[in-house]
Amino acid sequence: MRHSSVRGEGAPAQPDGDISGGGSGSGGHKRRGRRRVLRWVSSVLAFLILATAAGGYLYYRHLNGSIKTDVLNLGENKLGGSKPNAFGQTPLNILLIGSDARDDAANQALGGAKDTFDGPPLADVQMLLHLSADRSNMSVVSMPRDTMLMMPKCTEPGGKVHQASRGLVQTNESLSRGGPGCTVAAWQELTHIPIDHFMMIDFKGVVTMADAIGGVPVCVQQNVESRTKDGKGSGLKLPAGTNTIQGEQALQWLRTRYGFEDGTDLGRTHAQHMYMNSMAREFRKNAKLSNPVKLNSLAQAAIKAMVVDPGLNKIDKLYDLSMELKKVPTGRITMTTMPWVYSTREEGRVEPKPGEAEDVFRMVREDIALDGKGSGNPAADPSAPAASGTPAAPSQPAADPAAPAAKIPVTVRNATGGKDGAQTRVKGRADDVAAILVGKGFTKALANTQTAAEDTTVVRFSSPDQAGDAAAVATALGLPASSVEKSDDVTGIVLFVGKDWRTGNAPTPPPPAPTKAPDSARPLNGDDDKECMAIQPGFTW
């Protein structure tokens, strides 16, 4: 049964709430119809946790033992974490995951849908938070839950293996393939962005946390009531204009789909971005969480509701992270949605938009601000003030110094056909590039008869103490730092000559990176307090 595990209010192309591809029986439609998941966004809670940490988490060290952890990455593609720039500053990428798990009484009461109790959870909200290396800006990229992807192989700590998918799989199913570490692996496989941490939040604590904020202003263009004739919807009812919401009403805002814009999950994502930006402004404007009783309640609710990777499993670490996030002014926070197109292969689903989705991913990889204002790094923006930000803990260790070129063994493999196989490999290319390396002093460079398939030329190494040597190979060939990867699938240092280097003495340089997120990403600035949700026809009163 296609998409039988997909929960929620419906796919983007189905404003009436039906999920396509679930079978023709009425039982399947009724079962999915009951799954009107509370669509609060994990990133709101994660952002709240981090913001409140600055106000008093040091008082809650006794909560350390309550923090739940899980493996960071269950996939085979380990990118090794974000790397420092030339100034020793390290960007930070955190994947924020919203789980719809109904694994205890509290989550079951909030989530409903009894037929899903204790079933496999789904990652119905996924947002990548990118904190720039100089701490001048922050970017958030949401991936629609209905995005279709190729899933990577994921191996659980106990040894259970979830094989790579042979076809497209809905992105929210990644969580059921071993846990949040597989969601991280799926993001890295798609975007090639190194993910340093994840924070996963379930239903529990959201109402308590929303109350602790003291209210968040939101705006609707018309009176709105999220309720269909057959009873679907979040139940949100607001008059036109600006309203301050909290508690269960805030939860309704975050889960509303019917009534916002075109009634799809994509409109809901936009509303969630508006809420996050408004909440950030409220924190900066007035310290509402100075009350220790409220703060205690908020901290306990947050800790009980979240799972983090081992790198964030202490209150001190969360506090340090919050201090880094606090450095970014709200005017430099940019919320976006991954550019998408409707899938021609899976009805009612979406896929990354060719070109523009990769533009957004590349900007994150290369630490380019999505708001088009550049960074505080003088190397990137000479007119900007010098950055005062420092790398967030834990930072990546510096690579060992490189050995002399003549002492670095390098294996060269021909991967010039590319991953899509549309072109044949260039005969003898590994020998040609090995000769180029020898000419640059790498006299131990040798061609290998084994072939591979890579779109871009990459240098992979097997042992941490080879990182400096691998970086020296990339530098000698004019390759970017992002082309150097640690991999368990190679022995020693291996240069894969990709489709971008079919001829000549150097790879074809990539086109200039974008300087601003495309309009299709719907960028929303953190200082924009005039944004107001459009209302879907038929949902006004």
Protein backbone atom coordinates (compact mmCIF):
# COMPACT_ATOMS: atom_id res chain seq x y z
CA MET A 1 0.00 0.00 0.00
CA ARG A 2 1.64 3.24 -1.10
CA HIS A 3 2.23 5.84 1.60
CA SER A 4 0.38 3.73 4.14
CA SER A 5 2.59 5.15 6.88
CA VAL A 6 2.07 8.78 5.98
CA ARG A 7 0.27 10.69 8.68
CA GLY A 8 -1.23 14.13 8.61
CA GLU A 9 -3.90 16.27 7.08
CA GLY A 10 -3.04 15.62 3.45
CA ALA A 11 -0.66 16.16 0.59
CA PRO A 12 0.04 19.51 -1.07
CA ALA A 13 -2.07 18.72 -4.11
CA GLN A 14 -5.03 17.59 -2.04
CA PRO A 15 -6.67 20.65 -0.43
CA ASP A 16 -9.67 18.53 0.50
CA GLY A 17 -7.50 16.52 2.90
CA ASP A 18 -7.40 13.13 1.14
CA ILE A 19 -4.01 11.48 0.77
CA SER A 20 -3.52 9.92 -2.62
CA GLY A 21 -1.89 6.57 -3.20
CA GLY A 22 -3.17 4.95 -0.02
CA GLY A 23 -5.30 2.24 -1.57
CA SER A 24 -8.84 2.22 -2.83
CA GLY A 25 -10.57 0.84 0.25
CA SER A 26 -12.64 3.17 2.38
CA GLY A 27 -10.90 1.87 5.51
CA GLY A 28 -7.60 3.34 4.31
CA HIS A 29 -9.14 6.76 3.74
CA LYS A 30 -10.88 6.74 7.12
CA ARG A 31 -7.71 5.69 8.88
CA ARG A 32 -5.71 8.50 7.32
CA GLY A 33 -8.58 10.91 7.85
CA ARG A 34 -8.35 10.28 11.59
CA ARG A 35 -4.69 11.19 11.59
CA ARG A 36 -5.16 14.91 12.04
CA VAL A 37 -1.76 15.28 13.62
CA LEU A 38 -1.01 18.21 15.90
CA ARG A 39 1.32 19.94 13.47
CA TRP A 40 3.37 22.09 15.79
CA VAL A 41 6.84 22.64 14.45
CA SER A 42 9.85 21.13 16.14
CA SER A 43 12.03 24.07 15.31
CA VAL A 44 9.80 26.42 17.29
CA LEU A 45 10.33 24.34 20.39
CA ALA A 46 14.02 23.83 19.72
CA PHE A 47 14.48 27.56 19.16
CA LEU A 48 12.57 28.21 22.38
CA ILE A 49 14.73 25.75 24.30
CA LEU A 50 17.89 27.42 23.06
CA ALA A 51 16.61 30.93 23.73
CA THR A 52 15.52 30.13 27.27
CA ALA A 53 18.84 28.46 27.95
CA ALA A 54 20.45 31.88 27.95
CA GLY A 55 18.01 33.00 30.62
CA GLY A 56 18.60 30.30 33.17
CA TYR A 57 19.49 26.78 32.10
CA LEU A 58 22.58 26.90 34.28
CA TYR A 59 20.16 26.51 37.20
CA TYR A 60 18.98 23.18 35.86
CA ARG A 61 22.08 21.01 35.81
CA HIS A 62 20.09 18.40 37.72
CA LEU A 63 18.12 17.89 34.49
CA ASN A 64 21.20 16.49 32.72
CA GLY A 65 20.18 12.95 33.54
CA SER A 66 16.79 13.50 31.89
CA ILE A 67 18.15 14.46 28.48
CA LYS A 68 17.50 11.68 25.99
CA THR A 69 20.12 11.02 23.29
CA ASP A 70 20.34 9.10 20.04
CA VAL A 71 22.96 8.49 17.36
CA LEU A 72 23.78 11.49 15.16
CA ASN A 73 24.16 9.74 11.81
CA LEU A 74 23.17 6.17 10.92
CA GLY A 75 24.19 6.51 7.28
CA GLU A 76 27.39 5.62 5.48
CA ASN A 77 28.14 9.15 4.28
CA LYS A 78 29.97 10.77 7.19
CA LEU A 79 30.95 14.31 6.18
CA GLY A 80 32.89 14.90 9.40
CA GLY A 81 31.09 17.99 10.63
CA SER A 82 31.42 21.64 9.66
CA LYS A 83 34.96 22.82 8.97
CA PRO A 84 36.55 26.07 10.21
CA ASN A 85 37.03 28.89 7.73
CA ALA A 86 40.32 30.73 7.15
CA PHE A 87 39.73 32.74 10.35
CA GLY A 88 39.26 29.63 12.50
CA GLN A 89 35.51 30.26 12.79
CA THR A 90 33.21 27.27 12.43
CA PRO A 91 29.64 27.36 11.05
CA LEU A 92 27.04 25.17 12.70
CA ASN A 93 24.26 23.11 11.14
CA ILE A 94 21.48 21.72 13.36
CA LEU A 95 18.67 19.55 12.00
CA LEU A 96 15.41 20.22 13.85
CA ILE A 97 13.01 17.28 13.68
CA GLY A 98 9.36 17.11 14.74
CA SER A 99 8.29 13.56 15.58
CA ASP A 100 4.65 12.52 15.61
CA ALA A 101 5.40 9.65 18.02
CA ARG A 102 2.47 8.48 20.14
CA ASP A 103 4.52 6.42 22.57
CA ASP A 104 3.07 7.50 25.92
CA ALA A 105 -0.17 8.81 27.41
CA ALA A 106 0.73 12.50 26.97
CA ASN A 107 1.63 12.16 23.29
CA GLN A 108 -1.37 9.94 22.62
CA ALA A 109 -3.75 12.46 24.20
CA LEU A 110 -2.29 15.29 22.11
CA GLY A 111 -1.86 13.36 18.87
CA GLY A 112 -5.01 11.30 18.80
CA ALA A 113 -5.35 8.66 16.04
CA LYS A 114 -5.54 5.57 18.28
CA ASP A 115 -4.58 3.26 15.42
CA THR A 116 -1.11 4.86 15.38
CA PHE A 117 -0.38 4.41 19.11
CA ASP A 118 3.08 2.91 19.68
CA GLY A 119 3.61 2.71 15.93
CA PRO A 120 6.73 3.86 14.06
CA PRO A 121 7.17 7.64 14.30
CA LEU A 122 7.38 9.95 11.31
CA ALA A 123 9.57 13.05 10.91
CA ASP A 124 6.72 15.31 9.89
CA VAL A 125 8.69 18.52 10.44
CA GLN A 126 12.27 18.91 9.25
CA MET A 127 14.18 22.20 9.34
CA LEU A 128 17.89 22.79 8.97
CA LEU A 129 19.19 25.67 11.08
CA HIS A 130 22.47 27.11 9.78
CA LEU A 131 24.45 29.45 12.02
CA SER A 132 27.13 31.29 10.05
CA ALA A 133 30.78 30.86 10.98
CA ASP A 134 31.08 34.53 11.99
CA ARG A 135 27.75 34.46 13.87
CA SER A 136 26.46 37.39 11.83
CA ASN A 137 23.43 35.58 10.38
CA MET A 138 21.21 32.52 10.65
CA SER A 139 19.35 30.65 7.92
CA VAL A 140 16.57 28.08 8.32
CA VAL A 141 15.61 25.75 5.45
CA SER A 142 12.40 23.72 5.78
CA MET A 143 11.79 20.58 3.77
CA PRO A 144 8.11 19.85 3.03
CA ARG A 145 7.05 16.58 4.65
CA ASP A 146 5.70 15.36 1.29
CA THR A 147 9.11 15.57 -0.40
CA MET A 148 10.08 12.38 -2.24
CA LEU A 149 13.72 11.28 -1.87
CA MET A 150 16.04 8.34 -2.33
CA MET A 151 16.70 6.99 1.16
CA PRO A 152 20.26 6.04 2.13
CA LYS A 153 21.30 2.82 3.83
CA CYS A 154 20.94 3.23 7.60
CA THR A 155 22.41 0.87 10.20
CA GLU A 156 21.14 0.91 13.77
CA PRO A 157 23.64 0.58 16.66
CA GLY A 158 22.33 -2.92 17.34
CA GLY A 159 23.18 -3.98 13.80
CA LYS A 160 19.77 -3.85 12.13
CA VAL A 161 20.20 -2.62 8.56
CA HIS A 162 17.68 -0.58 6.58
CA GLN A 163 18.85 -0.92 2.99
CA ALA A 164 18.97 2.07 0.64
CA SER A 165 15.66 2.56 -1.16
CA ARG A 166 15.34 1.44 -4.76
CA GLY A 167 12.81 4.13 -5.48
CA LEU A 168 11.51 7.38 -4.06
CA VAL A 169 10.39 7.42 -0.43
CA GLN A 170 8.57 10.20 1.40
CA THR A 171 11.06 12.12 3.54
CA ASN A 172 9.10 11.84 6.78
CA GLU A 173 9.53 8.05 6.71
CA SER A 174 13.26 8.45 7.43
CA LEU A 175 12.62 8.47 11.17
CA SER A 176 11.17 4.96 11.08
CA ARG A 177 14.37 3.66 9.47
CA GLY A 178 16.34 3.58 12.70
CA GLY A 179 15.67 6.96 14.29
CA PRO A 180 16.75 10.59 13.87
CA GLY A 181 20.20 9.47 12.72
CA CYS A 182 18.61 8.23 9.49
CA THR A 183 16.83 11.55 8.99
CA VAL A 184 20.22 13.24 9.34
CA ALA A 185 21.71 10.75 6.85
CA ALA A 186 18.92 11.46 4.33
CA TRP A 187 19.57 15.22 4.55
CA GLN A 188 23.29 14.78 4.10
CA GLU A 189 22.75 12.46 1.13
CA LEU A 190 20.51 15.01 -0.58
CA THR A 191 22.24 18.28 0.32
CA HIS A 192 25.89 17.33 1.03
CA ILE A 193 25.66 19.71 3.99
CA PRO A 194 27.56 18.46 7.06
CA ILE A 195 25.11 18.26 9.96
CA ASP A 196 26.68 18.82 13.36
CA HIS A 197 23.70 18.17 15.64
CA PHE A 198 20.03 17.30 15.69
CA MET A 199 17.22 18.14 18.09
CA MET A 200 14.04 16.08 17.91
CA ILE A 201 10.84 17.15 19.68
CA ASP A 202 7.60 15.23 20.19
CA PHE A 203 4.14 16.46 21.23
CA LYS A 204 4.76 16.71 24.97
CA GLY A 205 5.30 20.06 26.59
CA VAL A 206 4.24 22.24 23.69
CA VAL A 207 1.26 23.82 25.46
CA THR A 208 3.23 24.41 28.66
CA MET A 209 6.05 25.96 26.69
CA ALA A 210 3.74 28.19 24.69
CA ASP A 211 2.20 29.44 27.94
CA ALA A 212 5.65 30.16 29.38
CA ILE A 213 6.48 32.45 26.45
CA GLY A 214 3.66 34.76 27.47
CA GLY A 215 2.15 34.97 23.99
CA VAL A 216 3.36 35.43 20.42
CA PRO A 217 1.82 38.00 18.02
CA VAL A 218 0.59 36.59 14.69
CA CYS A 219 -1.45 38.13 11.90
CA VAL A 220 -4.23 36.92 9.58
CA GLN A 221 -5.62 38.93 6.67
CA GLN A 222 -9.22 37.86 7.36
CA ASN A 223 -11.25 36.16 10.06
CA VAL A 224 -10.23 32.51 9.95
CA GLU A 225 -11.58 29.23 11.29
CA SER A 226 -9.69 26.03 10.50
CA ARG A 227 -12.55 23.58 10.31
CA THR A 228 -13.99 21.72 7.31
CA LYS A 229 -17.58 20.56 6.97
CA ASP A 230 -16.54 17.03 7.89
CA GLY A 231 -14.72 18.17 11.02
CA LYS A 232 -11.13 18.29 9.80
CA GLY A 233 -8.77 21.08 10.73
CA SER A 234 -6.89 22.45 13.73
CA GLY A 235 -9.84 24.35 15.20
CA LEU A 236 -7.95 27.67 15.14
CA LYS A 237 -10.37 30.62 15.16
CA LEU A 238 -9.01 34.17 15.00
CA PRO A 239 -10.37 37.56 13.95
CA ALA A 240 -8.63 39.50 11.19
CA GLY A 241 -5.50 41.42 12.17
CA THR A 242 -2.85 40.82 14.81
CA ASN A 243 -3.59 38.41 17.65
CA THR A 244 -1.38 37.33 20.55
CA ILE A 245 -1.64 33.56 20.88
CA GLN A 246 -0.36 31.15 23.50
CA GLY A 247 -1.02 27.72 24.93
CA GLU A 248 -3.32 25.49 22.91
CA GLN A 249 -4.14 28.31 20.51
CA ALA A 250 -0.43 28.57 19.61
CA LEU A 251 -0.45 24.82 19.02
CA GLN A 252 -3.43 25.24 16.70
CA TRP A 253 -1.60 27.92 14.73
CA LEU A 254 1.40 25.67 14.22
CA ARG A 255 -0.69 22.74 13.01
CA THR A 256 -3.14 24.70 10.83
CA ARG A 257 -3.27 23.74 7.18
CA TYR A 258 -6.95 24.07 6.27
CA GLY A 259 -7.63 27.80 6.13
CA PHE A 260 -4.10 29.08 5.37
CA GLU A 261 -3.22 30.12 1.80
CA ASP A 262 -4.03 27.21 -0.53
CA GLY A 263 -4.81 24.69 2.23
CA THR A 264 -1.58 22.73 1.76
CA ASP A 265 1.28 21.76 4.02
CA LEU A 266 3.37 24.41 2.25
CA GLY A 267 1.19 27.21 3.58
CA ARG A 268 1.45 25.73 7.04
CA THR A 269 5.25 25.88 6.79
CA HIS A 270 5.04 29.59 5.98
CA ALA A 271 2.85 30.15 9.06
CA GLN A 272 5.38 28.28 11.19
CA HIS A 273 8.15 30.54 9.91
CA MET A 274 6.12 33.60 10.81
CA TYR A 275 5.60 32.23 14.32
CA MET A 276 9.30 31.50 14.84
CA ASN A 277 10.35 34.97 13.72
CA SER A 278 7.73 36.61 15.94
CA MET A 279 8.81 34.53 18.91
CA ALA A 280 12.45 35.51 18.37
CA ARG A 281 11.45 39.18 18.33
CA GLU A 282 9.51 38.74 21.57
CA PHE A 283 12.52 37.25 23.31
CA ARG A 284 14.74 40.13 22.22
CA LYS A 285 12.15 42.78 23.03
CA ASN A 286 11.28 41.80 26.60
CA ALA A 287 12.66 39.14 28.89
CA LYS A 288 9.39 37.45 29.73
CA LEU A 289 11.05 34.33 31.08
CA SER A 290 12.67 35.87 34.14
CA ASN A 291 10.15 34.20 36.46
CA PRO A 292 12.04 31.20 37.94
CA VAL A 293 8.85 29.19 38.44
CA LYS A 294 7.87 29.57 34.79
CA LEU A 295 11.43 28.92 33.71
CA ASN A 296 11.58 25.74 35.76
CA SER A 297 8.32 24.51 34.27
CA LEU A 298 9.49 25.38 30.77
CA ALA A 299 12.87 23.72 31.19
CA GLN A 300 11.40 20.50 32.52
CA ALA A 301 8.77 20.36 29.78
CA ALA A 302 11.41 20.97 27.13
CA ILE A 303 13.85 18.38 28.45
CA LYS A 304 11.16 15.72 28.71
CA ALA A 305 9.96 16.41 25.17
CA MET A 306 13.22 16.29 23.25
CA VAL A 307 15.94 13.94 22.03
CA VAL A 308 19.38 15.24 21.02
CA ASP A 309 22.62 13.80 19.67
CA PRO A 310 25.47 13.07 22.13
CA GLY A 311 27.08 16.42 21.32
CA LEU A 312 24.17 18.28 22.95
CA ASN A 313 23.35 15.96 25.85
CA LYS A 314 24.32 18.31 28.69
CA ILE A 315 22.70 21.50 29.93
CA ASP A 316 26.08 23.24 29.63
CA LYS A 317 26.24 22.36 25.94
CA LEU A 318 22.73 23.65 25.31
CA TYR A 319 23.61 26.82 27.16
CA ASP A 320 26.79 27.32 25.09
CA LEU A 321 24.79 26.78 21.93
CA SER A 322 22.16 29.29 23.01
CA MET A 323 24.90 31.89 23.55
CA GLU A 324 26.05 31.40 19.97
CA LEU A 325 22.52 31.76 18.58
CA LYS A 326 21.94 34.86 20.68
CA LYS A 327 24.68 36.67 18.76
CA VAL A 328 22.54 36.85 15.62
CA PRO A 329 20.19 39.87 15.43
CA THR A 330 16.64 39.06 14.38
CA GLY A 331 17.13 41.13 11.22
CA ARG A 332 19.68 38.60 10.04
CA ILE A 333 17.47 35.53 10.56
CA THR A 334 16.07 34.19 7.28
CA MET A 335 13.38 31.50 7.14
CA THR A 336 13.03 29.61 3.85
CA THR A 337 11.38 26.56 2.33
CA MET A 338 13.33 24.26 0.04
CA PRO A 339 12.35 25.19 -3.54
CA TRP A 340 10.10 22.39 -4.83
CA VAL A 341 8.03 21.19 -7.78
CA TYR A 342 5.14 18.78 -7.84
CA SER A 343 6.35 15.27 -8.54
CA THR A 344 5.52 13.72 -11.89
CA ARG A 345 6.24 10.29 -10.41
CA GLU A 346 4.21 10.41 -7.20
CA GLU A 347 0.84 12.13 -7.36
CA GLY A 348 0.26 14.79 -4.72
CA ARG A 349 3.90 14.83 -3.61
CA VAL A 350 6.81 17.19 -4.26
CA GLU A 351 10.48 16.91 -5.20
CA PRO A 352 13.40 19.35 -4.89
CA LYS A 353 13.21 21.95 -7.66
CA PRO A 354 16.08 21.37 -10.09
CA GLY A 355 18.68 24.11 -9.89
CA GLU A 356 17.07 26.32 -7.26
CA ALA A 357 16.99 23.76 -4.45
CA GLU A 358 20.67 23.05 -5.06
CA ASP A 359 21.35 26.81 -5.04
CA VAL A 360 19.97 27.01 -1.49
CA PHE A 361 21.92 23.94 -0.39
CA ARG A 362 25.10 25.34 -1.91
CA MET A 363 24.69 28.65 -0.12
CA VAL A 364 24.42 26.80 3.18
CA ARG A 365 27.42 24.60 2.34
CA GLU A 366 29.50 27.65 1.44
CA ASP A 367 28.24 29.70 4.40
CA ILE A 368 26.59 32.36 2.24
CA ALA A 369 23.83 34.34 3.95
CA LEU A 370 20.41 33.65 2.40
CA ASP A 371 19.31 37.26 2.92
CA GLY A 372 21.82 38.59 0.37
CA LYS A 373 23.51 40.90 2.87
CA GLY A 374 26.81 39.05 3.06
CA SER A 375 28.49 38.18 6.33
CA GLY A 376 30.48 39.87 9.02
CA ASN A 377 33.57 38.08 7.74
CA PRO A 378 35.91 40.71 6.23
CA ALA A 379 37.12 38.19 3.69
CA ALA A 380 33.60 37.77 2.34
CA ASP A 381 32.41 41.34 2.81
CA PRO A 382 35.17 43.96 3.09
CA SER A 383 32.69 46.68 4.04
CA ALA A 384 31.32 44.75 6.99
CA PRO A 385 32.62 45.13 10.55
CA ALA A 386 34.96 42.49 11.86
CA ALA A 387 33.21 39.50 13.38
CA SER A 388 33.35 38.86 17.08
CA GLY A 389 31.75 35.42 16.97
CA THR A 390 33.62 32.34 18.10
CA PRO A 391 33.08 28.74 17.07
CA ALA A 392 30.31 26.92 18.90
CA ALA A 393 31.32 24.03 21.09
CA PRO A 394 32.09 21.37 20.22
CA SER A 395 34.23 22.76 17.40
CA GLN A 396 35.95 20.58 14.85
CA PRO A 397 39.60 19.76 15.59
CA ALA A 398 42.16 21.24 13.25
CA ALA A 399 43.54 18.83 10.66
CA ASP A 400 47.03 17.42 11.21
CA PRO A 401 49.75 19.25 9.24
CA ALA A 402 50.33 17.76 5.82
CA ALA A 403 53.39 15.66 5.04
CA PRO A 404 55.65 16.71 2.14
CA ALA A 405 53.91 16.06 -1.18
CA ALA A 406 56.46 13.43 -2.20
CA LYS A 407 55.58 11.35 0.86
CA ILE A 408 51.78 11.33 0.36
CA PRO A 409 50.44 8.21 -1.43
CA VAL A 410 47.41 9.01 -3.59
CA THR A 411 45.24 6.56 -5.50
CA VAL A 412 43.44 8.04 -8.52
CA ARG A 413 40.17 6.55 -9.79
CA ASN A 414 38.19 7.41 -12.92
CA ALA A 415 34.68 8.62 -12.01
CA THR A 416 34.13 10.85 -15.04
CA GLY A 417 30.86 9.22 -16.10
CA GLY A 418 28.92 11.01 -13.36
CA LYS A 419 26.28 9.60 -11.06
CA ASP A 420 23.52 9.67 -13.66
CA GLY A 421 25.53 7.54 -16.07
CA ALA A 422 24.50 9.78 -18.96
CA GLN A 423 28.10 9.99 -20.19
CA THR A 424 30.70 7.29 -20.67
CA ARG A 425 33.89 7.52 -18.65
CA VAL A 426 36.84 9.16 -20.37
CA LYS A 427 39.33 6.42 -21.15
CA GLY A 428 42.69 6.80 -19.43
CA ARG A 429 41.59 9.74 -17.31
CA ALA A 430 42.93 8.30 -14.04
CA ASP A 431 46.39 7.94 -15.64
CA ASP A 432 46.27 11.52 -16.94
CA VAL A 433 45.36 13.02 -13.56
CA ALA A 434 47.89 10.84 -11.73
CA ALA A 435 50.53 12.31 -14.04
CA ILE A 436 49.33 15.83 -13.18
CA LEU A 437 49.72 15.04 -9.48
CA VAL A 438 53.23 13.65 -10.06
CA GLY A 439 54.08 16.90 -11.83
CA LYS A 440 52.97 18.78 -8.72
CA GLY A 441 55.32 16.79 -6.51
CA PHE A 442 53.01 13.94 -5.46
CA THR A 443 55.38 11.30 -6.80
CA LYS A 444 53.50 8.47 -5.07
CA ALA A 445 50.29 9.15 -7.03
CA LEU A 446 49.11 6.07 -8.93
CA ALA A 447 46.11 5.37 -11.15
CA ASN A 448 43.78 2.55 -10.17
CA THR A 449 41.83 0.42 -12.62
CA GLN A 450 38.73 0.53 -10.38
CA THR A 451 36.15 3.03 -11.61
CA ALA A 452 33.46 5.02 -9.80
CA ALA A 453 30.77 7.62 -10.53
CA GLU A 454 30.97 11.19 -9.21
CA ASP A 455 29.51 14.44 -10.50
CA THR A 456 32.28 16.50 -8.91
CA THR A 457 35.88 15.61 -8.18
CA VAL A 458 36.36 14.56 -4.56
CA VAL A 459 39.25 13.52 -2.30
CA ARG A 460 38.36 10.87 0.28
CA PHE A 461 40.52 9.60 3.12
CA SER A 462 40.10 6.72 5.54
CA SER A 463 41.88 7.79 8.74
CA PRO A 464 41.64 11.06 10.72
CA ASP A 465 45.42 11.47 10.64
CA GLN A 466 45.23 11.65 6.82
CA ALA A 467 42.97 14.73 6.81
CA GLY A 468 45.86 17.18 6.42
CA ASP A 469 47.42 15.17 3.59
CA ALA A 470 44.05 14.88 1.78
CA ALA A 471 43.55 18.64 2.12
CA ALA A 472 47.02 19.21 0.62
CA VAL A 473 46.04 17.13 -2.43
CA ALA A 474 42.85 19.16 -2.89
CA THR A 475 44.72 22.46 -2.52
CA ALA A 476 47.34 21.45 -5.09
CA LEU A 477 44.58 20.72 -7.61
CA GLY A 478 42.58 23.87 -6.83
CA LEU A 479 39.68 21.93 -5.31
CA PRO A 480 37.48 23.52 -2.60
CA ALA A 481 37.74 22.40 1.02
CA SER A 482 34.28 20.85 0.71
CA SER A 483 35.69 18.30 -1.74
CA VAL A 484 37.66 16.58 1.05
CA GLU A 485 35.69 13.86 2.86
CA LYS A 486 36.42 11.15 5.40
CA SER A 487 35.04 7.80 4.26
CA ASP A 488 35.04 4.24 5.57
CA ASP A 489 34.72 3.01 1.99
CA VAL A 490 38.29 3.85 0.96
CA THR A 491 41.76 2.88 2.11
CA GLY A 492 44.27 5.69 2.33
CA ILE A 493 43.76 8.81 0.20
CA VAL A 494 41.75 8.35 -2.99
CA LEU A 495 41.12 11.01 -5.62
CA PHE A 496 37.91 10.42 -7.57
CA VAL A 497 38.09 12.29 -10.88
CA GLY A 498 34.50 13.40 -11.46
CA LYS A 499 32.36 14.45 -14.39
CA ASP A 500 33.56 18.02 -13.87
CA TRP A 501 37.12 17.05 -14.92
CA ARG A 502 36.83 15.14 -18.18
CA THR A 503 39.59 17.13 -19.88
CA GLY A 504 42.39 19.57 -19.10
CA ASN A 505 44.69 20.11 -16.14
CA ALA A 506 42.02 21.26 -13.68
CA PRO A 507 38.33 20.57 -13.01
CA THR A 508 35.75 22.77 -14.67
CA PRO A 509 35.08 25.48 -12.08
CA PRO A 510 31.50 25.62 -10.84
CA PRO A 511 29.37 28.62 -11.74
CA PRO A 512 29.46 31.51 -9.26
CA ALA A 513 27.48 30.80 -6.13
CA PRO A 514 24.18 32.67 -5.68
CA THR A 515 24.31 35.67 -3.38
CA LYS A 516 20.67 35.50 -2.25
CA ALA A 517 18.02 32.83 -1.81
CA PRO A 518 15.70 32.46 -4.83
CA ASP A 519 12.17 33.80 -4.54
CA SER A 520 10.89 30.21 -4.77
CA ALA A 521 12.34 29.63 -1.28
CA ARG A 522 9.91 32.23 0.13
CA PRO A 523 12.55 33.96 2.27
CA LEU A 524 11.11 35.64 5.37
CA ASN A 525 13.22 38.08 7.39
CA GLY A 526 13.19 37.89 11.17
CA ASP A 527 12.42 41.61 11.52
CA ASP A 528 9.40 41.45 9.23
CA ASP A 529 6.52 42.10 11.62
CA LYS A 530 4.14 43.10 8.80
CA GLU A 531 3.76 39.62 7.31
CA CYS A 532 0.16 38.45 7.50
CA MET A 533 -1.22 35.03 6.56
CA ALA A 534 -3.53 34.89 3.55
CA ILE A 535 -6.73 32.97 4.22
CA GLN A 536 -8.07 30.13 2.09
CA PRO A 537 -11.48 30.83 0.54
CA GLY A 538 -14.28 29.16 2.46
CA PHE A 539 -12.57 29.33 5.85
CA THR A 540 -13.64 32.81 6.93
CA TRP A 541 -16.44 33.79 9.30
